[in-house]
Protein backbone atom coordinates (compact mmCIF):
# COMPACT_ATOMS: atom_id res chain seq x y z
CA UNK A 1 3.77 120.28 67.92
CA UNK A 2 0.14 120.18 69.04
CA UNK A 3 -0.57 123.42 67.20
CA UNK A 4 0.58 122.00 63.86
CA UNK A 5 -1.30 118.74 64.36
CA UNK A 6 -4.58 120.43 65.33
CA UNK A 7 -4.36 123.00 62.52
CA UNK A 8 -3.62 120.27 59.98
CA UNK A 9 -6.75 118.47 61.19
CA UNK A 10 -8.79 121.64 60.56
CA UNK A 11 -9.05 123.04 64.10
CA UNK A 12 -8.38 126.65 65.06
CA UNK A 13 -5.69 126.74 67.73
CA UNK A 14 -4.82 129.48 70.17
CA UNK A 15 -2.08 128.55 72.59
CA UNK A 16 -2.51 129.91 76.11
CA UNK A 17 0.47 129.49 78.41
CA UNK A 18 -0.25 128.17 81.87
CA UNK A 19 2.24 128.37 84.74
CA UNK A 20 3.11 124.89 85.98
CA UNK A 21 2.15 125.85 89.53
CA UNK A 22 -1.43 126.63 88.39
CA UNK A 23 -2.10 123.82 85.92
CA UNK A 24 -4.11 121.71 88.38
CA UNK A 25 -6.24 124.73 89.26
CA UNK A 26 -7.04 125.35 85.60
CA UNK A 27 -7.72 121.72 84.69
CA UNK A 28 -10.36 121.44 87.40
CA UNK A 29 -11.98 124.84 86.70
CA UNK A 30 -14.68 124.57 84.02
CA UNK A 31 -14.46 128.34 83.40
CA UNK A 32 -10.68 128.49 83.01
CA UNK A 33 -9.33 130.10 79.82
CA UNK A 34 -7.90 126.77 78.63
CA UNK A 35 -9.80 123.73 77.39
CA UNK A 36 -7.10 121.19 76.68
CA UNK A 37 -6.03 118.71 79.30
CA UNK A 38 -9.18 119.10 81.39
CA UNK A 39 -9.86 116.68 84.19
CA UNK A 40 -10.08 113.77 84.72
CA UNK A 41 -6.35 113.26 84.28
CA UNK A 42 -5.15 109.89 85.46
CA UNK A 43 -8.69 108.67 86.10
CA UNK A 44 -9.41 104.95 85.97
CA UNK A 45 -12.69 103.07 85.97
CA UNK A 46 -13.75 100.92 88.90
CA UNK A 47 -14.72 98.01 86.69
CA UNK A 48 -14.25 97.21 82.98
CA UNK A 49 -17.87 97.93 82.11
CA UNK A 50 -19.62 100.75 80.28
CA UNK A 51 -21.54 101.46 83.49
CA UNK A 52 -18.37 102.68 85.17
CA UNK A 53 -17.21 104.71 82.14
CA UNK A 54 -20.00 106.41 80.24
CA UNK A 55 -22.05 108.00 83.06
CA UNK A 56 -18.95 109.26 84.85
CA UNK A 57 -17.30 110.77 81.78
CA UNK A 58 -20.09 111.73 79.39
CA UNK A 59 -23.27 112.60 81.30
CA UNK A 60 -24.16 116.26 81.83
CA UNK A 61 -23.68 116.11 85.61
CA UNK A 62 -20.03 115.08 85.07
CA UNK A 63 -19.21 118.65 83.96
CA UNK A 64 -20.01 120.14 87.39
CA UNK A 65 -18.10 117.33 89.10
CA UNK A 66 -15.00 118.03 87.01
CA UNK A 67 -15.08 114.56 85.45
CA UNK A 68 -16.38 115.41 82.01
CA UNK A 69 -14.40 114.63 78.91
CA UNK A 70 -14.83 117.53 76.51
CA UNK A 71 -17.33 119.36 78.73
CA UNK A 72 -20.13 117.42 77.05
CA UNK A 73 -23.69 118.08 78.23
CA UNK A 74 -26.57 116.77 76.14
CA UNK A 75 -29.96 115.55 77.47
CA UNK A 76 -30.32 113.11 74.54
CA UNK A 77 -27.03 111.41 75.43
CA UNK A 78 -27.92 111.45 79.14
CA UNK A 79 -31.18 109.62 78.37
CA UNK A 80 -29.40 106.98 76.28
CA UNK A 81 -26.78 106.38 79.00
CA UNK A 82 -29.56 106.05 81.60
CA UNK A 83 -31.49 103.65 79.34
CA UNK A 84 -28.53 101.33 78.89
CA UNK A 85 -27.49 101.52 82.56
CA UNK A 86 -30.99 100.30 83.53
CA UNK A 87 -30.63 97.11 81.46
CA UNK A 88 -29.38 93.82 82.85
CA UNK A 89 -25.59 93.33 82.68
CA UNK A 90 -25.95 90.84 79.81
CA UNK A 91 -28.13 93.24 77.80
CA UNK A 92 -25.70 96.11 78.46
CA UNK A 93 -22.81 94.35 76.72
CA UNK A 94 -23.89 95.12 73.14
CA UNK A 95 -25.63 98.39 74.01
CA UNK A 96 -22.55 100.15 75.44
CA UNK A 97 -20.77 99.74 72.11
CA UNK A 98 -23.70 101.57 70.47
CA UNK A 99 -23.36 104.41 73.00
CA UNK A 100 -19.63 104.55 72.28
CA UNK A 101 -20.29 104.78 68.54
CA UNK A 102 -22.96 107.46 69.11
CA UNK A 103 -20.52 109.58 71.13
CA UNK A 104 -17.77 109.30 68.52
CA UNK A 105 -20.00 109.94 65.51
CA UNK A 106 -22.33 112.62 66.88
CA UNK A 107 -20.22 114.50 69.42
CA UNK A 108 -16.49 113.67 69.19
CA UNK A 109 -15.89 115.34 72.58
CA UNK A 110 -12.23 114.46 72.82
CA UNK A 111 -9.06 114.13 70.85
CA UNK A 112 -6.61 111.61 72.33
CA UNK A 113 -3.33 113.29 73.17
CA UNK A 114 -1.39 110.10 73.78
CA UNK A 115 -1.72 106.35 73.85
CA UNK A 116 -0.64 104.55 76.96
CA UNK A 117 0.22 100.90 76.68
CA UNK A 118 1.76 98.28 78.89
CA UNK A 119 5.09 96.60 78.45
CA UNK A 120 6.23 93.63 80.48
CA UNK A 121 8.53 90.66 79.94
CA UNK A 122 6.95 87.26 79.34
CA UNK A 123 8.76 83.96 79.90
CA UNK A 124 8.70 81.46 77.06
CA UNK A 125 7.11 78.81 79.29
CA UNK A 126 4.12 80.95 80.25
CA UNK A 127 0.77 80.64 78.52
CA UNK A 128 -2.22 82.96 78.16
CA UNK A 129 -0.35 86.07 79.22
CA UNK A 130 -2.67 88.90 78.23
CA UNK A 131 -2.72 92.55 79.21
CA UNK A 132 -5.33 93.81 81.64
CA UNK A 133 -5.80 97.26 80.10
CA UNK A 134 -7.54 98.57 83.22
CA UNK A 135 -4.52 97.89 85.42
CA UNK A 136 -1.70 97.95 82.87
CA UNK A 137 -0.47 94.60 84.13
CA UNK A 138 -0.77 91.00 83.01
CA UNK A 139 -4.04 89.35 83.91
CA UNK A 140 -2.43 87.11 86.54
CA UNK A 141 -5.47 84.87 87.10
CA UNK A 142 -5.28 83.47 83.57
CA UNK A 143 -1.53 82.76 83.30
CA UNK A 144 -0.35 79.17 83.32
CA UNK A 145 2.98 77.36 83.05
CA UNK A 146 3.41 75.29 79.88
CA UNK A 147 4.42 71.72 80.36
CA UNK A 148 7.66 70.76 78.53
């Protein structure tokens, strides 16, 4: 299935079988013969801020640490990430979206393989039940009970 999707999108695809027992070894090895499904798999940010996402996933030093998405290493991007990270938290808010756009438009280092979403029941008498995408759970601190 992936082969057809990637080829239809214009990519060249060469499938390389990987024994299940060795998949973790290959995903953490930057010189492995495969480049799909690289680490970090199952990674989650510490805080919902660009400061805990962009440096860890997209700076050049992330490649050696096994964190890099797409094995991206570019001094220009590193400098922009460092510039925004040095700003005050309020100033960072609008700047991280510019870094995100820059990564998508100039590098496109990743192709999402799946979309993970949360599913949970909500009672009809509960208000402001919203998903906390970082945890995949309702944001419990904002829920309230509606008065009849």
